[in-house]
Amino acid sequence: MNARNEPSPDFVRQLAGYGLTTAEILYRMPDHPTFLQTYVWQDYDIAPDFPTLMKFLAFWREKLDGPLHSVRIGHARLIKPAEIRTFDAEFKLQ
């Protein structure tokens, strides 16, 4: 929390359904198109549409020289409902 006791923006995004998304981007080197280079991108995003990642990839296609070869995505929601298991037992405390 910051000095005003407000939660961090990343925490607020997680509560809104965002999860940590990692993308391994393979692209061709502009000067040597037969070689592939790797770039790892990571940010909070919403599955399955990944609007933040799609915006970044659109920027890549428009502004950067290395053409994309492939993108592999990993996604995990860091805040999710608790897992509850029930037991067929009763425990009594005095």
PDB file of N, CA and C in Angstrom:
ATOM      1  N   MET A   1       0.833  -1.178   0.000  1.00  0.00           N
ATOM      2  CA  MET A   1       0.000   0.000   0.000  1.00  0.00           C
ATOM      3  C   MET A   1       0.875   1.238   0.000  1.00  0.00           C
ATOM      4  N   ASN A   2       0.358   2.268  -0.584  1.00  0.00           N
ATOM      5  CA  ASN A   2       1.122   3.509  -0.639  1.00  0.00           C
ATOM      6  C   ASN A   2       0.876   4.338   0.622  1.00  0.00           C
ATOM      7  N   ALA A   3       1.377   5.546   0.648  1.00  0.00           N
ATOM      8  CA  ALA A   3       1.306   6.397   1.831  1.00  0.00           C
ATOM      9  C   ALA A   3      -0.134   6.741   2.212  1.00  0.00           C
ATOM     10  N   ARG A   4      -1.049   6.722   1.264  1.00  0.00           N
ATOM     11  CA  ARG A   4      -2.447   7.063   1.562  1.00  0.00           C
ATOM     12  C   ARG A   4      -3.282   5.813   1.848  1.00  0.00           C
ATOM     13  N   ASN A   5      -2.635   4.685   2.084  1.00  0.00           N
ATOM     14  CA  ASN A   5      -3.311   3.412   2.376  1.00  0.00           C
ATOM     15  C   ASN A   5      -4.237   2.958   1.256  1.00  0.00           C
ATOM     16  N   GLU A   6      -3.852   3.207   0.027  1.00  0.00           N
ATOM     17  CA  GLU A   6      -4.595   2.735  -1.134  1.00  0.00           C
ATOM     18  C   GLU A   6      -3.877   1.518  -1.696  1.00  0.00           C
ATOM     19  N   PRO A   7      -4.636   0.538  -2.197  1.00  0.00           N
ATOM     20  CA  PRO A   7      -3.977  -0.631  -2.790  1.00  0.00           C
ATOM     21  C   PRO A   7      -3.265  -0.255  -4.085  1.00  0.00           C
ATOM     22  N   SER A   8      -2.284  -1.046  -4.453  1.00  0.00           N
ATOM     23  CA  SER A   8      -1.541  -0.775  -5.682  1.00  0.00           C
ATOM     24  C   SER A   8      -2.453  -0.976  -6.897  1.00  0.00           C
ATOM     25  N   PRO A   9      -2.173  -0.274  -7.996  1.00  0.00           N
ATOM     26  CA  PRO A   9      -2.983  -0.447  -9.215  1.00  0.00           C
ATOM     27  C   PRO A   9      -2.957  -1.893  -9.730  1.00  0.00           C
ATOM     28  N   ASP A  10      -1.819  -2.589  -9.589  1.00  0.00           N
ATOM     29  CA  ASP A  10      -1.744  -3.982 -10.038  1.00  0.00           C
ATOM     30  C   ASP A  10      -2.687  -4.869  -9.228  1.00  0.00           C
ATOM     31  N   PHE A  11      -2.781  -4.637  -7.921  1.00  0.00           N
ATOM     32  CA  PHE A  11      -3.679  -5.412  -7.070  1.00  0.00           C
ATOM     33  C   PHE A  11      -5.132  -5.167  -7.469  1.00  0.00           C
ATOM     34  N   VAL A  12      -5.477  -3.927  -7.742  1.00  0.00           N
ATOM     35  CA  VAL A  12      -6.838  -3.586  -8.162  1.00  0.00           C
ATOM     36  C   VAL A  12      -7.168  -4.288  -9.479  1.00  0.00           C
ATOM     37  N   ARG A  13      -6.221  -4.331 -10.385  1.00  0.00           N
ATOM     38  CA  ARG A  13      -6.437  -5.024 -11.665  1.00  0.00           C
ATOM     39  C   ARG A  13      -6.664  -6.515 -11.453  1.00  0.00           C
ATOM     40  N   GLN A  14      -5.914  -7.110 -10.526  1.00  0.00           N
ATOM     41  CA  GLN A  14      -6.094  -8.533 -10.235  1.00  0.00           C
ATOM     42  C   GLN A  14      -7.492  -8.798  -9.686  1.00  0.00           C
ATOM     43  N   LEU A  15      -7.980  -7.915  -8.826  1.00  0.00           N
ATOM     44  CA  LEU A  15      -9.333  -8.068  -8.306  1.00  0.00           C
ATOM     45  C   LEU A  15     -10.374  -7.932  -9.405  1.00  0.00           C
ATOM     46  N   ALA A  16     -10.052  -7.180 -10.447  1.00  0.00           N
ATOM     47  CA  ALA A  16     -10.965  -6.990 -11.579  1.00  0.00           C
ATOM     48  C   ALA A  16     -10.909  -8.143 -12.576  1.00  0.00           C
ATOM     49  N   GLY A  17     -10.117  -9.175 -12.300  1.00  0.00           N
ATOM     50  CA  GLY A  17     -10.078 -10.346 -13.177  1.00  0.00           C
ATOM     51  C   GLY A  17      -8.833 -10.478 -14.027  1.00  0.00           C
ATOM     52  N   TYR A  18      -7.918  -9.531 -13.924  1.00  0.00           N
ATOM     53  CA  TYR A  18      -6.680  -9.631 -14.690  1.00  0.00           C
ATOM     54  C   TYR A  18      -5.775 -10.688 -14.075  1.00  0.00           C
ATOM     55  N   GLY A  19      -5.020 -11.360 -14.922  1.00  0.00           N
ATOM     56  CA  GLY A  19      -4.042 -12.329 -14.477  1.00  0.00           C
ATOM     57  C   GLY A  19      -2.701 -12.021 -15.105  1.00  0.00           C
ATOM     58  N   LEU A  20      -1.655 -12.591 -14.547  1.00  0.00           N
ATOM     59  CA  LEU A  20      -0.316 -12.368 -15.078  1.00  0.00           C
ATOM     60  C   LEU A  20      -0.161 -13.148 -16.376  1.00  0.00           C
ATOM     61  N   THR A  21       0.155 -12.449 -17.441  1.00  0.00           N
ATOM     62  CA  THR A  21       0.305 -13.059 -18.759  1.00  0.00           C
ATOM     63  C   THR A  21       1.749 -12.914 -19.212  1.00  0.00           C
ATOM     64  N   THR A  22       2.310 -14.011 -19.672  1.00  0.00           N
ATOM     65  CA  THR A  22       3.664 -14.017 -20.223  1.00  0.00           C
ATOM     66  C   THR A  22       3.583 -14.504 -21.661  1.00  0.00           C
ATOM     67  N   ALA A  23       4.217 -13.769 -22.565  1.00  0.00           N
ATOM     68  CA  ALA A  23       4.233 -14.160 -23.976  1.00  0.00           C
ATOM     69  C   ALA A  23       5.674 -14.302 -24.436  1.00  0.00           C
ATOM     70  N   GLU A  24       5.964 -15.456 -25.012  1.00  0.00           N
ATOM     71  CA  GLU A  24       7.266 -15.668 -25.644  1.00  0.00           C
ATOM     72  C   GLU A  24       7.073 -15.368 -27.128  1.00  0.00           C
ATOM     73  N   ILE A  25       7.712 -14.318 -27.577  1.00  0.00           N
ATOM     74  CA  ILE A  25       7.545 -13.844 -28.949  1.00  0.00           C
ATOM     75  C   ILE A  25       8.793 -14.201 -29.747  1.00  0.00           C
ATOM     76  N   LEU A  26       8.598 -14.971 -30.816  1.00  0.00           N
ATOM     77  CA  LEU A  26       9.693 -15.268 -31.740  1.00  0.00           C
ATOM     78  C   LEU A  26       9.516 -14.371 -32.959  1.00  0.00           C
ATOM     79  N   TYR A  27      10.586 -13.718 -33.332  1.00  0.00           N
ATOM     80  CA  TYR A  27      10.517 -12.833 -34.492  1.00  0.00           C
ATOM     81  C   TYR A  27      11.774 -12.993 -35.330  1.00  0.00           C
ATOM     82  N   ARG A  28      11.653 -12.611 -36.590  1.00  0.00           N
ATOM     83  CA  ARG A  28      12.794 -12.711 -37.508  1.00  0.00           C
ATOM     84  C   ARG A  28      13.644 -11.451 -37.395  1.00  0.00           C
ATOM     85  N   MET A  29      14.953 -11.628 -37.404  1.00  0.00           N
ATOM     86  CA  MET A  29      15.865 -10.494 -37.328  1.00  0.00           C
ATOM     87  C   MET A  29      15.774  -9.717 -38.649  1.00  0.00           C
ATOM     88  N   PRO A  30      15.624  -8.407 -38.597  1.00  0.00           N
ATOM     89  CA  PRO A  30      15.449  -7.613 -39.822  1.00  0.00           C
ATOM     90  C   PRO A  30      16.600  -7.774 -40.819  1.00  0.00           C
ATOM     91  N   ASP A  31      17.845  -7.811 -40.339  1.00  0.00           N
ATOM     92  CA  ASP A  31      18.998  -7.913 -41.234  1.00  0.00           C
ATOM     93  C   ASP A  31      19.311  -9.344 -41.659  1.00  0.00           C
ATOM     94  N   HIS A  32      18.819 -10.321 -40.886  1.00  0.00           N
ATOM     95  CA  HIS A  32      19.081 -11.742 -41.165  1.00  0.00           C
ATOM     96  C   HIS A  32      17.772 -12.515 -40.978  1.00  0.00           C
ATOM     97  N   PRO A  33      16.878 -12.483 -41.947  1.00  0.00           N
ATOM     98  CA  PRO A  33      15.541 -13.061 -41.771  1.00  0.00           C
ATOM     99  C   PRO A  33      15.506 -14.572 -41.537  1.00  0.00           C
ATOM    100  N   THR A  34      16.620 -15.263 -41.759  1.00  0.00           N
ATOM    101  CA  THR A  34      16.621 -16.697 -41.476  1.00  0.00           C
ATOM    102  C   THR A  34      16.848 -16.988 -39.992  1.00  0.00           C
ATOM    103  N   PHE A  35      17.279 -15.980 -39.222  1.00  0.00           N
ATOM    104  CA  PHE A  35      17.503 -16.154 -37.786  1.00  0.00           C
ATOM    105  C   PHE A  35      16.282 -15.703 -37.005  1.00  0.00           C
ATOM    106  N   LEU A  36      15.978 -16.459 -35.934  1.00  0.00           N
ATOM    107  CA  LEU A  36      14.887 -16.090 -35.038  1.00  0.00           C
ATOM    108  C   LEU A  36      15.458 -15.552 -33.735  1.00  0.00           C
ATOM    109  N   GLN A  37      14.807 -14.549 -33.201  1.00  0.00           N
ATOM    110  CA  GLN A  37      15.192 -13.945 -31.929  1.00  0.00           C
ATOM    111  C   GLN A  37      13.994 -14.096 -30.986  1.00  0.00           C
ATOM    112  N   THR A  38      14.262 -14.188 -29.688  1.00  0.00           N
ATOM    113  CA  THR A  38      13.198 -14.315 -28.695  1.00  0.00           C
ATOM    114  C   THR A  38      13.046 -13.028 -27.900  1.00  0.00           C
ATOM    115  N   TYR A  39      11.797 -12.650 -27.647  1.00  0.00           N
ATOM    116  CA  TYR A  39      11.484 -11.530 -26.770  1.00  0.00           C
ATOM    117  C   TYR A  39      10.419 -12.014 -25.796  1.00  0.00           C
ATOM    118  N   VAL A  40      10.615 -11.778 -24.506  1.00  0.00           N
ATOM    119  CA  VAL A  40       9.632 -12.179 -23.501  1.00  0.00           C
ATOM    120  C   VAL A  40       8.912 -10.931 -23.005  1.00  0.00           C
ATOM    121  N   TRP A  41       7.583 -10.959 -23.103  1.00  0.00           N
ATOM    122  CA  TRP A  41       6.719  -9.856 -22.690  1.00  0.00           C
ATOM    123  C   TRP A  41       5.887 -10.326 -21.510  1.00  0.00           C
ATOM    124  N   GLN A  42       5.684  -9.461 -20.521  1.00  0.00           N
ATOM    125  CA  GLN A  42       4.876  -9.841 -19.366  1.00  0.00           C
ATOM    126  C   GLN A  42       4.101  -8.633 -18.860  1.00  0.00           C
ATOM    127  N   ASP A  43       2.809  -8.845 -18.603  1.00  0.00           N
ATOM    128  CA  ASP A  43       1.943  -7.785 -18.081  1.00  0.00           C
ATOM    129  C   ASP A  43       0.670  -8.451 -17.569  1.00  0.00           C
ATOM    130  N   TYR A  44      -0.171  -7.671 -16.900  1.00  0.00           N
ATOM    131  CA  TYR A  44      -1.471  -8.176 -16.468  1.00  0.00           C
ATOM    132  C   TYR A  44      -2.445  -8.041 -17.635  1.00  0.00           C
ATOM    133  N   ASP A  45      -3.223  -9.109 -17.866  1.00  0.00           N
ATOM    134  CA  ASP A  45      -4.146  -9.122 -18.998  1.00  0.00           C
ATOM    135  C   ASP A  45      -5.328 -10.020 -18.665  1.00  0.00           C
ATOM    136  N   ILE A  46      -6.343  -9.994 -19.509  1.00  0.00           N
ATOM    137  CA  ILE A  46      -7.547 -10.789 -19.304  1.00  0.00           C
ATOM    138  C   ILE A  46      -7.624 -11.880 -20.366  1.00  0.00           C
ATOM    139  N   ALA A  47      -7.692 -13.130 -19.922  1.00  0.00           N
ATOM    140  CA  ALA A  47      -7.861 -14.262 -20.834  1.00  0.00           C
ATOM    141  C   ALA A  47      -9.345 -14.402 -21.161  1.00  0.00           C
ATOM    142  N   PRO A  48      -9.731 -14.910 -22.283  1.00  0.00           N
ATOM    143  CA  PRO A  48      -8.931 -15.466 -23.358  1.00  0.00           C
ATOM    144  C   PRO A  48      -8.633 -14.477 -24.490  1.00  0.00           C
ATOM    145  N   ASP A  49      -9.146 -13.242 -24.376  1.00  0.00           N
ATOM    146  CA  ASP A  49      -8.968 -12.289 -25.480  1.00  0.00           C
ATOM    147  C   ASP A  49      -7.624 -11.562 -25.459  1.00  0.00           C
ATOM    148  N   PHE A  50      -7.034 -11.397 -24.284  1.00  0.00           N
ATOM    149  CA  PHE A  50      -5.736 -10.744 -24.110  1.00  0.00           C
ATOM    150  C   PHE A  50      -5.655  -9.382 -24.813  1.00  0.00           C
ATOM    151  N   PRO A  51      -6.501  -8.425 -24.439  1.00  0.00           N
ATOM    152  CA  PRO A  51      -6.495  -7.129 -25.127  1.00  0.00           C
ATOM    153  C   PRO A  51      -5.186  -6.355 -24.966  1.00  0.00           C
ATOM    154  N   THR A  52      -4.540  -6.462 -23.823  1.00  0.00           N
ATOM    155  CA  THR A  52      -3.273  -5.746 -23.618  1.00  0.00           C
ATOM    156  C   THR A  52      -2.186  -6.318 -24.520  1.00  0.00           C
ATOM    157  N   LEU A  53      -2.109  -7.637 -24.606  1.00  0.00           N
ATOM    158  CA  LEU A  53      -1.130  -8.283 -25.480  1.00  0.00           C
ATOM    159  C   LEU A  53      -1.417  -7.971 -26.941  1.00  0.00           C
ATOM    160  N   MET A  54      -2.688  -8.003 -27.336  1.00  0.00           N
ATOM    161  CA  MET A  54      -3.037  -7.708 -28.728  1.00  0.00           C
ATOM    162  C   MET A  54      -2.650  -6.272 -29.102  1.00  0.00           C
ATOM    163  N   LYS A  55      -2.823  -5.350 -28.168  1.00  0.00           N
ATOM    164  CA  LYS A  55      -2.419  -3.963 -28.410  1.00  0.00           C
ATOM    165  C   LYS A  55      -0.910  -3.870 -28.602  1.00  0.00           C
ATOM    166  N   PHE A  56      -0.149  -4.619 -27.758  1.00  0.00           N
ATOM    167  CA  PHE A  56       1.308  -4.622 -27.899  1.00  0.00           C
ATOM    168  C   PHE A  56       1.729  -5.235 -29.231  1.00  0.00           C
ATOM    169  N   LEU A  57       1.093  -6.336 -29.632  1.00  0.00           N
ATOM    170  CA  LEU A  57       1.458  -6.982 -30.905  1.00  0.00           C
ATOM    171  C   LEU A  57       1.101  -6.090 -32.094  1.00  0.00           C
ATOM    172  N   ALA A  58       0.006  -5.333 -32.000  1.00  0.00           N
ATOM    173  CA  ALA A  58      -0.338  -4.381 -33.070  1.00  0.00           C
ATOM    174  C   ALA A  58       0.730  -3.293 -33.166  1.00  0.00           C
ATOM    175  N   PHE A  59       1.179  -2.807 -32.009  1.00  0.00           N
ATOM    176  CA  PHE A  59       2.278  -1.832 -31.995  1.00  0.00           C
ATOM    177  C   PHE A  59       3.522  -2.433 -32.645  1.00  0.00           C
ATOM    178  N   TRP A  60       3.834  -3.679 -32.310  1.00  0.00           N
ATOM    179  CA  TRP A  60       5.016  -4.350 -32.869  1.00  0.00           C
ATOM    180  C   TRP A  60       4.928  -4.377 -34.395  1.00  0.00           C
ATOM    181  N   ARG A  61       3.779  -4.810 -34.909  1.00  0.00           N
ATOM    182  CA  ARG A  61       3.623  -4.927 -36.367  1.00  0.00           C
ATOM    183  C   ARG A  61       3.739  -3.571 -37.077  1.00  0.00           C
ATOM    184  N   GLU A  62       3.229  -2.517 -36.429  1.00  0.00           N
ATOM    185  CA  GLU A  62       3.231  -1.192 -37.057  1.00  0.00           C
ATOM    186  C   GLU A  62       4.573  -0.475 -36.948  1.00  0.00           C
ATOM    187  N   LYS A  63       5.275  -0.616 -35.831  1.00  0.00           N
ATOM    188  CA  LYS A  63       6.430   0.231 -35.544  1.00  0.00           C
ATOM    189  C   LYS A  63       7.790  -0.462 -35.595  1.00  0.00           C
ATOM    190  N   LEU A  64       7.831  -1.774 -35.411  1.00  0.00           N
ATOM    191  CA  LEU A  64       9.125  -2.465 -35.335  1.00  0.00           C
ATOM    192  C   LEU A  64       9.422  -3.210 -36.620  1.00  0.00           C
ATOM    193  N   ASP A  65      10.697  -3.405 -36.886  1.00  0.00           N
ATOM    194  CA  ASP A  65      11.116  -4.007 -38.153  1.00  0.00           C
ATOM    195  C   ASP A  65      11.089  -5.532 -38.173  1.00  0.00           C
ATOM    196  N   GLY A  66      11.267  -6.174 -37.026  1.00  0.00           N
ATOM    197  CA  GLY A  66      11.350  -7.638 -37.012  1.00  0.00           C
ATOM    198  C   GLY A  66       9.988  -8.288 -37.153  1.00  0.00           C
ATOM    199  N   PRO A  67       9.713  -8.969 -38.294  1.00  0.00           N
ATOM    200  CA  PRO A  67       8.413  -9.608 -38.469  1.00  0.00           C
ATOM    201  C   PRO A  67       8.206 -10.750 -37.471  1.00  0.00           C
ATOM    202  N   LEU A  68       6.973 -10.857 -36.966  1.00  0.00           N
ATOM    203  CA  LEU A  68       6.646 -11.893 -35.996  1.00  0.00           C
ATOM    204  C   LEU A  68       6.645 -13.266 -36.648  1.00  0.00           C
ATOM    205  N   HIS A  69       7.175 -14.233 -35.937  1.00  0.00           N
ATOM    206  CA  HIS A  69       7.139 -15.619 -36.377  1.00  0.00           C
ATOM    207  C   HIS A  69       6.061 -16.380 -35.614  1.00  0.00           C
ATOM    208  N   SER A  70       6.084 -16.288 -34.277  1.00  0.00           N
ATOM    209  CA  SER A  70       5.093 -16.974 -33.454  1.00  0.00           C
ATOM    210  C   SER A  70       5.044 -16.342 -32.067  1.00  0.00           C
ATOM    211  N   VAL A  71       3.924 -16.582 -31.381  1.00  0.00           N
ATOM    212  CA  VAL A  71       3.735 -16.082 -30.017  1.00  0.00           C
ATOM    213  C   VAL A  71       3.159 -17.227 -29.191  1.00  0.00           C
ATOM    214  N   ARG A  72       3.815 -17.510 -28.073  1.00  0.00           N
ATOM    215  CA  ARG A  72       3.332 -18.541 -27.151  1.00  0.00           C
ATOM    216  C   ARG A  72       2.947 -17.851 -25.850  1.00  0.00           C
ATOM    217  N   ILE A  73       1.731 -18.139 -25.356  1.00  0.00           N
ATOM    218  CA  ILE A  73       1.186 -17.402 -24.221  1.00  0.00           C
ATOM    219  C   ILE A  73       1.006 -18.316 -23.013  1.00  0.00           C
ATOM    220  N   GLY A  74       1.374 -17.786 -21.840  1.00  0.00           N
ATOM    221  CA  GLY A  74       1.071 -18.417 -20.566  1.00  0.00           C
ATOM    222  C   GLY A  74       0.304 -17.423 -19.722  1.00  0.00           C
ATOM    223  N   HIS A  75      -0.713 -17.900 -18.984  1.00  0.00           N
ATOM    224  CA  HIS A  75      -1.561 -16.986 -18.219  1.00  0.00           C
ATOM    225  C   HIS A  75      -1.952 -17.643 -16.901  1.00  0.00           C
ATOM    226  N   ALA A  76      -1.895 -16.879 -15.823  1.00  0.00           N
ATOM    227  CA  ALA A  76      -2.314 -17.384 -14.514  1.00  0.00           C
ATOM    228  C   ALA A  76      -3.004 -16.281 -13.745  1.00  0.00           C
ATOM    229  N   ARG A  77      -4.181 -16.583 -13.243  1.00  0.00           N
ATOM    230  CA  ARG A  77      -4.857 -15.637 -12.347  1.00  0.00           C
ATOM    231  C   ARG A  77      -4.229 -15.805 -10.980  1.00  0.00           C
ATOM    232  N   LEU A  78      -3.724 -14.739 -10.429  1.00  0.00           N
ATOM    233  CA  LEU A  78      -3.044 -14.809  -9.147  1.00  0.00           C
ATOM    234  C   LEU A  78      -4.025 -14.765  -7.990  1.00  0.00           C
ATOM    235  N   ILE A  79      -5.146 -14.099  -8.183  1.00  0.00           N
ATOM    236  CA  ILE A  79      -6.198 -14.066  -7.170  1.00  0.00           C
ATOM    237  C   ILE A  79      -7.381 -14.819  -7.749  1.00  0.00           C
ATOM    238  N   LYS A  80      -7.761 -15.889  -7.069  1.00  0.00           N
ATOM    239  CA  LYS A  80      -8.864 -16.711  -7.556  1.00  0.00           C
ATOM    240  C   LYS A  80      -9.661 -17.218  -6.366  1.00  0.00           C
ATOM    241  N   PRO A  81     -10.830 -17.762  -6.602  1.00  0.00           N
ATOM    242  CA  PRO A  81     -11.633 -18.261  -5.488  1.00  0.00           C
ATOM    243  C   PRO A  81     -10.873 -19.332  -4.708  1.00  0.00           C
ATOM    244  N   ALA A  82     -11.086 -19.322  -3.414  1.00  0.00           N
ATOM    245  CA  ALA A  82     -10.433 -20.321  -2.572  1.00  0.00           C
ATOM    246  C   ALA A  82     -10.997 -21.707  -2.875  1.00  0.00           C
ATOM    247  N   GLU A  83     -10.139 -22.687  -2.754  1.00  0.00           N
ATOM    248  CA  GLU A  83     -10.584 -24.065  -2.931  1.00  0.00           C
ATOM    249  C   GLU A  83     -11.073 -24.582  -1.584  1.00  0.00           C
ATOM    250  N   ILE A  84     -12.268 -25.137  -1.591  1.00  0.00           N
ATOM    251  CA  ILE A  84     -12.854 -25.651  -0.357  1.00  0.00           C
ATOM    252  C   ILE A  84     -13.134 -27.129  -0.541  1.00  0.00           C
ATOM    253  N   ARG A  85     -12.678 -27.908   0.418  1.00  0.00           N
ATOM    254  CA  ARG A  85     -12.975 -29.337   0.417  1.00  0.00           C
ATOM    255  C   ARG A  85     -13.817 -29.640   1.647  1.00  0.00           C
ATOM    256  N   THR A  86     -14.847 -30.409   1.460  1.00  0.00           N
ATOM    257  CA  THR A  86     -15.682 -30.788   2.599  1.00  0.00           C
ATOM    258  C   THR A  86     -15.289 -32.172   3.092  1.00  0.00           C
ATOM    259  N   PHE A  87     -15.508 -32.398   4.378  1.00  0.00           N
ATOM    260  CA  PHE A  87     -15.208 -33.684   4.996  1.00  0.00           C
ATOM    261  C   PHE A  87     -16.475 -34.230   5.631  1.00  0.00           C
ATOM    262  N   ASP A  88     -16.629 -35.527   5.644  1.00  0.00           N
ATOM    263  CA  ASP A  88     -17.749 -36.150   6.336  1.00  0.00           C
ATOM    264  C   ASP A  88     -17.314 -36.485   7.766  1.00  0.00           C
ATOM    265  N   ALA A  89     -17.055 -35.458   8.512  1.00  0.00           N
ATOM    266  CA  ALA A  89     -16.644 -35.659   9.903  1.00  0.00           C
ATOM    267  C   ALA A  89     -17.072 -34.443  10.715  1.00  0.00           C
ATOM    268  N   GLU A  90     -17.219 -34.662  11.980  1.00  0.00           N
ATOM    269  CA  GLU A  90     -17.563 -33.572  12.888  1.00  0.00           C
ATOM    270  C   GLU A  90     -16.594 -33.604  14.039  1.00  0.00           C
ATOM    271  N   PHE A  91     -16.032 -32.450  14.336  1.00  0.00           N
ATOM    272  CA  PHE A  91     -15.072 -32.344  15.427  1.00  0.00           C
ATOM    273  C   PHE A  91     -15.657 -31.420  16.476  1.00  0.00           C
ATOM    274  N   LYS A  92     -15.621 -31.847  17.716  1.00  0.00           N
ATOM    275  CA  LYS A  92     -16.141 -31.020  18.803  1.00  0.00           C
ATOM    276  C   LYS A  92     -15.004 -30.591  19.690  1.00  0.00           C
ATOM    277  N   LEU A  93     -15.009 -29.325  19.994  1.00  0.00           N
ATOM    278  CA  LEU A  93     -14.038 -28.790  20.942  1.00  0.00           C
ATOM    279  C   LEU A  93     -14.787 -28.463  22.222  1.00  0.00           C
ATOM    280  N   GLN A  94     -14.135 -28.623  23.331  1.00  0.00           N
ATOM    281  CA  GLN A  94     -14.806 -28.387  24.614  1.00  0.00           C
ATOM    282  C   GLN A  94     -15.356 -27.010  24.732  1.00  0.00           C
TER     283      GLN A  94
END
